[in-house]
Amino acid sequence: VEAAGDVDTLLLDKTGTITFGNRMAAEFIALPG
């Protein structure tokens, strides 16, 4: 617990931690016309 309070560097997995873990639709890009 004390070591957690003194932490200088935090390593975090991208998937499930920083992102939701599943790719999600962000936008539709229609072609001209």
PDB file of all heavy atoms in Angstrom:
ATOM      1  N   VAL A   1       0.839  -1.196   0.000  1.00  0.00           N
ATOM      2  CA  VAL A   1       0.000   0.000   0.000  1.00  0.00           C
ATOM      3  C   VAL A   1       0.876   1.249   0.000  1.00  0.00           C
ATOM      4  O   VAL A   1       0.624   2.212  -0.732  1.00  0.00           O
ATOM      5  CB  VAL A   1      -0.940   0.008   1.220  1.00  0.00           C
ATOM      6  CG1 VAL A   1      -1.886   1.194   1.147  1.00  0.00           C
ATOM      7  CG2 VAL A   1      -1.720  -1.293   1.304  1.00  0.00           C
ATOM      8  N   GLU A   2       1.919   1.245   0.839  1.00  0.00           N
ATOM      9  CA  GLU A   2       2.822   2.395   0.883  1.00  0.00           C
ATOM     10  C   GLU A   2       3.558   2.569  -0.433  1.00  0.00           C
ATOM     11  O   GLU A   2       3.760   3.690  -0.901  1.00  0.00           O
ATOM     12  CB  GLU A   2       3.828   2.234   2.025  1.00  0.00           C
ATOM     13  CG  GLU A   2       3.267   2.626   3.360  1.00  0.00           C
ATOM     14  CD  GLU A   2       4.362   2.944   4.351  1.00  0.00           C
ATOM     15  OE1 GLU A   2       5.544   2.788   4.006  1.00  0.00           O
ATOM     16  OE2 GLU A   2       4.024   3.344   5.469  1.00  0.00           O
ATOM     17  N   ALA A   3       3.979   1.454  -1.022  1.00  0.00           N
ATOM     18  CA  ALA A   3       4.667   1.544  -2.306  1.00  0.00           C
ATOM     19  C   ALA A   3       3.763   2.177  -3.353  1.00  0.00           C
ATOM     20  O   ALA A   3       4.221   2.954  -4.199  1.00  0.00           O
ATOM     21  CB  ALA A   3       5.128   0.158  -2.762  1.00  0.00           C
ATOM     22  N   ALA A   4       2.453   1.871  -3.291  1.00  0.00           N
ATOM     23  CA  ALA A   4       1.506   2.481  -4.224  1.00  0.00           C
ATOM     24  C   ALA A   4       1.484   3.991  -4.049  1.00  0.00           C
ATOM     25  O   ALA A   4       1.359   4.745  -5.015  1.00  0.00           O
ATOM     26  CB  ALA A   4       0.110   1.901  -4.013  1.00  0.00           C
ATOM     27  N   GLY A   5       1.633   4.440  -2.816  1.00  0.00           N
ATOM     28  CA  GLY A   5       1.642   5.870  -2.574  1.00  0.00           C
ATOM     29  C   GLY A   5       2.897   6.561  -3.057  1.00  0.00           C
ATOM     30  O   GLY A   5       2.897   7.774  -3.276  1.00  0.00           O
ATOM     31  N   ASP A   6       3.977   5.800  -3.221  1.00  0.00           N
ATOM     32  CA  ASP A   6       5.252   6.372  -3.657  1.00  0.00           C
ATOM     33  C   ASP A   6       5.547   6.118  -5.132  1.00  0.00           C
ATOM     34  O   ASP A   6       6.642   6.394  -5.609  1.00  0.00           O
ATOM     35  CB  ASP A   6       6.403   5.791  -2.821  1.00  0.00           C
ATOM     36  CG  ASP A   6       6.451   6.393  -1.427  1.00  0.00           C
ATOM     37  OD1 ASP A   6       6.082   7.573  -1.293  1.00  0.00           O
ATOM     38  OD2 ASP A   6       6.846   5.691  -0.486  1.00  0.00           O
ATOM     39  N   VAL A   7       4.566   5.577  -5.874  1.00  0.00           N
ATOM     40  CA  VAL A   7       4.788   5.189  -7.267  1.00  0.00           C
ATOM     41  C   VAL A   7       5.159   6.399  -8.116  1.00  0.00           C
ATOM     42  O   VAL A   7       4.583   7.482  -7.983  1.00  0.00           O
ATOM     43  CB  VAL A   7       3.525   4.498  -7.822  1.00  0.00           C
ATOM     44  CG1 VAL A   7       3.475   4.539  -9.334  1.00  0.00           C
ATOM     45  CG2 VAL A   7       3.461   3.059  -7.333  1.00  0.00           C
ATOM     46  N   ASP A   8       6.155   6.203  -8.984  1.00  0.00           N
ATOM     47  CA  ASP A   8       6.578   7.245  -9.922  1.00  0.00           C
ATOM     48  C   ASP A   8       6.141   6.946 -11.351  1.00  0.00           C
ATOM     49  O   ASP A   8       5.932   7.860 -12.148  1.00  0.00           O
ATOM     50  CB  ASP A   8       8.108   7.377  -9.913  1.00  0.00           C
ATOM     51  CG  ASP A   8       8.645   7.720  -8.535  1.00  0.00           C
ATOM     52  OD1 ASP A   8       8.310   8.796  -8.037  1.00  0.00           O
ATOM     53  OD2 ASP A   8       9.389   6.911  -7.965  1.00  0.00           O
ATOM     54  N   THR A   9       6.049   5.648 -11.698  1.00  0.00           N
ATOM     55  CA  THR A   9       5.703   5.237 -13.065  1.00  0.00           C
ATOM     56  C   THR A   9       4.547   4.255 -13.013  1.00  0.00           C
ATOM     57  O   THR A   9       4.569   3.299 -12.244  1.00  0.00           O
ATOM     58  CB  THR A   9       6.904   4.576 -13.765  1.00  0.00           C
ATOM     59  OG1 THR A   9       8.004   5.485 -13.777  1.00  0.00           O
ATOM     60  CG2 THR A   9       6.552   4.203 -15.201  1.00  0.00           C
ATOM     61  N   LEU A  10       3.540   4.497 -13.848  1.00  0.00           N
ATOM     62  CA  LEU A  10       2.337   3.675 -13.883  1.00  0.00           C
ATOM     63  C   LEU A  10       2.224   3.031 -15.256  1.00  0.00           C
ATOM     64  O   LEU A  10       2.119   3.720 -16.265  1.00  0.00           O
ATOM     65  CB  LEU A  10       1.121   4.555 -13.603  1.00  0.00           C
ATOM     66  CG  LEU A  10      -0.161   3.909 -13.092  1.00  0.00           C
ATOM     67  CD1 LEU A  10       0.083   3.158 -11.811  1.00  0.00           C
ATOM     68  CD2 LEU A  10      -1.222   4.981 -12.876  1.00  0.00           C
ATOM     69  N   LEU A  11       2.277   1.688 -15.310  1.00  0.00           N
ATOM     70  CA  LEU A  11       2.143   0.949 -16.563  1.00  0.00           C
ATOM     71  C   LEU A  11       0.707   0.452 -16.686  1.00  0.00           C
ATOM     72  O   LEU A  11       0.204  -0.238 -15.796  1.00  0.00           O
ATOM     73  CB  LEU A  11       3.099  -0.246 -16.596  1.00  0.00           C
ATOM     74  CG  LEU A  11       4.498   0.006 -17.184  1.00  0.00           C
ATOM     75  CD1 LEU A  11       5.256   1.005 -16.320  1.00  0.00           C
ATOM     76  CD2 LEU A  11       5.281  -1.294 -17.277  1.00  0.00           C
ATOM     77  N   LEU A  12       0.050   0.804 -17.788  1.00  0.00           N
ATOM     78  CA  LEU A  12      -1.356   0.469 -17.981  1.00  0.00           C
ATOM     79  C   LEU A  12      -1.553  -0.195 -19.337  1.00  0.00           C
ATOM     80  O   LEU A  12      -1.059   0.294 -20.349  1.00  0.00           O
ATOM     81  CB  LEU A  12      -2.217   1.731 -17.913  1.00  0.00           C
ATOM     82  CG  LEU A  12      -2.193   2.493 -16.585  1.00  0.00           C
ATOM     83  CD1 LEU A  12      -2.565   3.942 -16.809  1.00  0.00           C
ATOM     84  CD2 LEU A  12      -3.138   1.866 -15.597  1.00  0.00           C
ATOM     85  N   ASP A  13      -2.301  -1.316 -19.338  1.00  0.00           N
ATOM     86  CA  ASP A  13      -2.668  -1.941 -20.601  1.00  0.00           C
ATOM     87  C   ASP A  13      -3.622  -1.025 -21.359  1.00  0.00           C
ATOM     88  O   ASP A  13      -4.501  -0.395 -20.756  1.00  0.00           O
ATOM     89  CB  ASP A  13      -3.348  -3.290 -20.357  1.00  0.00           C
ATOM     90  CG  ASP A  13      -2.336  -4.400 -20.146  1.00  0.00           C
ATOM     91  OD1 ASP A  13      -1.231  -4.299 -20.695  1.00  0.00           O
ATOM     92  OD2 ASP A  13      -2.660  -5.351 -19.426  1.00  0.00           O
ATOM     93  N   LYS A  14      -3.452  -0.991 -22.676  1.00  0.00           N
ATOM     94  CA  LYS A  14      -4.364  -0.182 -23.480  1.00  0.00           C
ATOM     95  C   LYS A  14      -5.765  -0.763 -23.446  1.00  0.00           C
ATOM     96  O   LYS A  14      -6.734  -0.080 -23.092  1.00  0.00           O
ATOM     97  CB  LYS A  14      -3.869  -0.119 -24.930  1.00  0.00           C
ATOM     98  CG  LYS A  14      -4.752   0.728 -25.851  1.00  0.00           C
ATOM     99  CD  LYS A  14      -4.625   0.305 -27.302  1.00  0.00           C
ATOM    100  CE  LYS A  14      -5.353  -1.006 -27.555  1.00  0.00           C
ATOM    101  NZ  LYS A  14      -5.377  -1.388 -28.974  1.00  0.00           N
ATOM    102  N   THR A  15      -5.884  -2.031 -23.774  1.00  0.00           N
ATOM    103  CA  THR A  15      -7.187  -2.662 -23.933  1.00  0.00           C
ATOM    104  C   THR A  15      -7.844  -2.875 -22.578  1.00  0.00           C
ATOM    105  O   THR A  15      -7.285  -3.529 -21.706  1.00  0.00           O
ATOM    106  CB  THR A  15      -7.060  -4.003 -24.659  1.00  0.00           C
ATOM    107  OG1 THR A  15      -6.396  -3.790 -25.900  1.00  0.00           O
ATOM    108  CG2 THR A  15      -8.426  -4.610 -24.900  1.00  0.00           C
ATOM    109  N   GLY A  16      -9.036  -2.328 -22.418  1.00  0.00           N
ATOM    110  CA  GLY A  16      -9.789  -2.511 -21.190  1.00  0.00           C
ATOM    111  C   GLY A  16      -9.439  -1.528 -20.100  1.00  0.00           C
ATOM    112  O   GLY A  16     -10.173  -1.408 -19.123  1.00  0.00           O
ATOM    113  N   THR A  17      -8.326  -0.834 -20.235  1.00  0.00           N
ATOM    114  CA  THR A  17      -7.924   0.135 -19.223  1.00  0.00           C
ATOM    115  C   THR A  17      -8.049   1.548 -19.778  1.00  0.00           C
ATOM    116  O   THR A  17      -8.786   2.375 -19.245  1.00  0.00           O
ATOM    117  CB  THR A  17      -6.470  -0.117 -18.773  1.00  0.00           C
ATOM    118  OG1 THR A  17      -6.340  -1.461 -18.328  1.00  0.00           O
ATOM    119  CG2 THR A  17      -6.094   0.826 -17.648  1.00  0.00           C
ATOM    120  N   ILE A  18      -7.332   1.807 -20.853  1.00  0.00           N
ATOM    121  CA  ILE A  18      -7.386   3.133 -21.478  1.00  0.00           C
ATOM    122  C   ILE A  18      -8.521   3.184 -22.499  1.00  0.00           C
ATOM    123  O   ILE A  18      -9.208   4.191 -22.620  1.00  0.00           O
ATOM    124  CB  ILE A  18      -6.032   3.452 -22.133  1.00  0.00           C
ATOM    125  CG1 ILE A  18      -4.950   3.547 -21.049  1.00  0.00           C
ATOM    126  CG2 ILE A  18      -6.101   4.738 -22.944  1.00  0.00           C
ATOM    127  CD1 ILE A  18      -3.553   3.716 -21.583  1.00  0.00           C
ATOM    128  N   THR A  19      -8.713   2.077 -23.214  1.00  0.00           N
ATOM    129  CA  THR A  19      -9.820   1.990 -24.176  1.00  0.00           C
ATOM    130  C   THR A  19     -10.837   0.969 -23.670  1.00  0.00           C
ATOM    131  O   THR A  19     -10.585   0.233 -22.726  1.00  0.00           O
ATOM    132  CB  THR A  19      -9.318   1.563 -25.564  1.00  0.00           C
ATOM    133  OG1 THR A  19      -8.817   0.211 -25.493  1.00  0.00           O
ATOM    134  CG2 THR A  19      -8.204   2.480 -26.042  1.00  0.00           C
ATOM    135  N   PHE A  20     -11.998   0.929 -24.318  1.00  0.00           N
ATOM    136  CA  PHE A  20     -13.052   0.023 -23.883  1.00  0.00           C
ATOM    137  C   PHE A  20     -12.735  -1.436 -24.179  1.00  0.00           C
ATOM    138  O   PHE A  20     -13.368  -2.334 -23.641  1.00  0.00           O
ATOM    139  CB  PHE A  20     -14.390   0.394 -24.541  1.00  0.00           C
ATOM    140  CG  PHE A  20     -15.060   1.563 -23.892  1.00  0.00           C
ATOM    141  CD1 PHE A  20     -15.053   2.803 -24.494  1.00  0.00           C
ATOM    142  CD2 PHE A  20     -15.689   1.426 -22.673  1.00  0.00           C
ATOM    143  CE1 PHE A  20     -15.666   3.891 -23.893  1.00  0.00           C
ATOM    144  CE2 PHE A  20     -16.304   2.505 -22.064  1.00  0.00           C
ATOM    145  CZ  PHE A  20     -16.290   3.738 -22.678  1.00  0.00           C
ATOM    146  N   GLY A  21     -11.776  -1.682 -25.041  1.00  0.00           N
ATOM    147  CA  GLY A  21     -11.383  -3.060 -25.315  1.00  0.00           C
ATOM    148  C   GLY A  21     -11.944  -3.606 -26.606  1.00  0.00           C
ATOM    149  O   GLY A  21     -11.440  -4.581 -27.145  1.00  0.00           O
ATOM    150  N   ASN A  22     -13.009  -3.009 -27.119  1.00  0.00           N
ATOM    151  CA  ASN A  22     -13.574  -3.414 -28.404  1.00  0.00           C
ATOM    152  C   ASN A  22     -13.565  -2.206 -29.343  1.00  0.00           C
ATOM    153  O   ASN A  22     -13.865  -1.085 -28.929  1.00  0.00           O
ATOM    154  CB  ASN A  22     -15.022  -3.894 -28.236  1.00  0.00           C
ATOM    155  CG  ASN A  22     -15.108  -5.148 -27.407  1.00  0.00           C
ATOM    156  OD1 ASN A  22     -14.388  -6.109 -27.650  1.00  0.00           O
ATOM    157  ND2 ASN A  22     -15.988  -5.139 -26.420  1.00  0.00           N
ATOM    158  N   ARG A  23     -13.211  -2.469 -30.598  1.00  0.00           N
ATOM    159  CA  ARG A  23     -13.287  -1.389 -31.577  1.00  0.00           C
ATOM    160  C   ARG A  23     -14.744  -0.996 -31.776  1.00  0.00           C
ATOM    161  O   ARG A  23     -15.625  -1.841 -31.819  1.00  0.00           O
ATOM    162  CB  ARG A  23     -12.681  -1.841 -32.899  1.00  0.00           C
ATOM    163  CG  ARG A  23     -11.198  -2.147 -32.837  1.00  0.00           C
ATOM    164  CD  ARG A  23     -10.726  -2.741 -34.143  1.00  0.00           C
ATOM    165  NE  ARG A  23     -11.501  -3.934 -34.487  1.00  0.00           N
ATOM    166  CZ  ARG A  23     -11.479  -4.527 -35.664  1.00  0.00           C
ATOM    167  NH1 ARG A  23     -10.729  -4.033 -36.635  1.00  0.00           N
ATOM    168  NH2 ARG A  23     -12.204  -5.595 -35.898  1.00  0.00           N
ATOM    169  N   MET A  24     -14.993   0.280 -31.893  1.00  0.00           N
ATOM    170  CA  MET A  24     -16.356   0.775 -32.031  1.00  0.00           C
ATOM    171  C   MET A  24     -16.433   1.727 -33.209  1.00  0.00           C
ATOM    172  O   MET A  24     -15.458   2.408 -33.542  1.00  0.00           O
ATOM    173  CB  MET A  24     -16.804   1.485 -30.748  1.00  0.00           C
ATOM    174  CG  MET A  24     -16.769   0.589 -29.517  1.00  0.00           C
ATOM    175  SD  MET A  24     -17.190   1.467 -27.992  1.00  0.00           S
ATOM    176  CE  MET A  24     -18.916   1.816 -28.283  1.00  0.00           C
ATOM    177  N   ALA A  25     -17.604   1.761 -33.846  1.00  0.00           N
ATOM    178  CA  ALA A  25     -17.808   2.647 -34.991  1.00  0.00           C
ATOM    179  C   ALA A  25     -17.792   4.094 -34.527  1.00  0.00           C
ATOM    180  O   ALA A  25     -18.515   4.469 -33.597  1.00  0.00           O
ATOM    181  CB  ALA A  25     -19.130   2.320 -35.671  1.00  0.00           C
ATOM    182  N   ALA A  26     -16.948   4.902 -35.167  1.00  0.00           N
ATOM    183  CA  ALA A  26     -16.808   6.305 -34.779  1.00  0.00           C
ATOM    184  C   ALA A  26     -17.440   7.250 -35.794  1.00  0.00           C
ATOM    185  O   ALA A  26     -17.939   8.313 -35.419  1.00  0.00           O
ATOM    186  CB  ALA A  26     -15.335   6.652 -34.593  1.00  0.00           C
ATOM    187  N   GLU A  27     -17.415   6.886 -37.096  1.00  0.00           N
ATOM    188  CA  GLU A  27     -17.986   7.777 -38.111  1.00  0.00           C
ATOM    189  C   GLU A  27     -18.231   7.010 -39.403  1.00  0.00           C
ATOM    190  O   GLU A  27     -17.622   5.971 -39.667  1.00  0.00           O
ATOM    191  CB  GLU A  27     -17.047   8.960 -38.381  1.00  0.00           C
ATOM    192  CG  GLU A  27     -15.680   8.560 -38.927  1.00  0.00           C
ATOM    193  CD  GLU A  27     -14.820   9.752 -39.304  1.00  0.00           C
ATOM    194  OE1 GLU A  27     -15.382  10.782 -39.707  1.00  0.00           O
ATOM    195  OE2 GLU A  27     -13.584   9.633 -39.207  1.00  0.00           O
ATOM    196  N   PHE A  28     -19.172   7.534 -40.196  1.00  0.00           N
ATOM    197  CA  PHE A  28     -19.409   7.046 -41.549  1.00  0.00           C
ATOM    198  C   PHE A  28     -18.786   8.060 -42.511  1.00  0.00           C
ATOM    199  O   PHE A  28     -19.004   9.267 -42.383  1.00  0.00           O
ATOM    200  CB  PHE A  28     -20.906   6.915 -41.848  1.00  0.00           C
ATOM    201  CG  PHE A  28     -21.607   5.886 -41.002  1.00  0.00           C
ATOM    202  CD1 PHE A  28     -22.578   6.255 -40.100  1.00  0.00           C
ATOM    203  CD2 PHE A  28     -21.289   4.545 -41.116  1.00  0.00           C
ATOM    204  CE1 PHE A  28     -23.232   5.315 -39.333  1.00  0.00           C
ATOM    205  CE2 PHE A  28     -21.932   3.593 -40.351  1.00  0.00           C
ATOM    206  CZ  PHE A  28     -22.908   3.975 -39.451  1.00  0.00           C
ATOM    207  N   ILE A  29     -18.032   7.561 -43.489  1.00  0.00           N
ATOM    208  CA  ILE A  29     -17.390   8.435 -44.474  1.00  0.00           C
ATOM    209  C   ILE A  29     -17.948   8.081 -45.846  1.00  0.00           C
ATOM    210  O   ILE A  29     -17.573   7.057 -46.446  1.00  0.00           O
ATOM    211  CB  ILE A  29     -15.855   8.258 -44.444  1.00  0.00           C
ATOM    212  CG1 ILE A  29     -15.319   8.519 -43.033  1.00  0.00           C
ATOM    213  CG2 ILE A  29     -15.192   9.186 -45.459  1.00  0.00           C
ATOM    214  CD1 ILE A  29     -13.846   8.197 -42.877  1.00  0.00           C
ATOM    215  N   ALA A  30     -18.874   8.894 -46.339  1.00  0.00           N
ATOM    216  CA  ALA A  30     -19.500   8.629 -47.640  1.00  0.00           C
ATOM    217  C   ALA A  30     -18.615   9.161 -48.759  1.00  0.00           C
ATOM    218  O   ALA A  30     -17.971  10.212 -48.626  1.00  0.00           O
ATOM    219  CB  ALA A  30     -20.876   9.281 -47.696  1.00  0.00           C
ATOM    220  N   LEU A  31     -18.584   8.435 -49.859  1.00  0.00           N
ATOM    221  CA  LEU A  31     -17.824   8.882 -51.016  1.00  0.00           C
ATOM    222  C   LEU A  31     -18.587   9.995 -51.737  1.00  0.00           C
ATOM    223  O   LEU A  31     -19.804  10.142 -51.565  1.00  0.00           O
ATOM    224  CB  LEU A  31     -17.585   7.709 -51.960  1.00  0.00           C
ATOM    225  CG  LEU A  31     -16.620   6.625 -51.463  1.00  0.00           C
ATOM    226  CD1 LEU A  31     -16.446   5.541 -52.510  1.00  0.00           C
ATOM    227  CD2 LEU A  31     -15.268   7.221 -51.098  1.00  0.00           C
ATOM    228  N   PRO A  32     -17.895  10.794 -52.518  1.00  0.00           N
ATOM    229  CA  PRO A  32     -18.569  11.870 -53.254  1.00  0.00           C
ATOM    230  C   PRO A  32     -19.739  11.329 -54.080  1.00  0.00           C
ATOM    231  O   PRO A  32     -19.609  10.306 -54.763  1.00  0.00           O
ATOM    232  CB  PRO A  32     -17.463  12.443 -54.147  1.00  0.00           C
ATOM    233  CG  PRO A  32     -16.197  12.146 -53.402  1.00  0.00           C
ATOM    234  CD  PRO A  32     -16.429  10.817 -52.745  1.00  0.00           C
ATOM    235  N   GLY A  33     -20.885  12.006 -53.990  1.00  0.00           N
ATOM    236  CA  GLY A  33     -22.069  11.595 -54.736  1.00  0.00           C
ATOM    237  C   GLY A  33     -22.946  10.614 -53.993  1.00  0.00           C
ATOM    238  O   GLY A  33     -24.015  10.247 -54.491  1.00  0.00           O
TER     239      GLY A  33
END
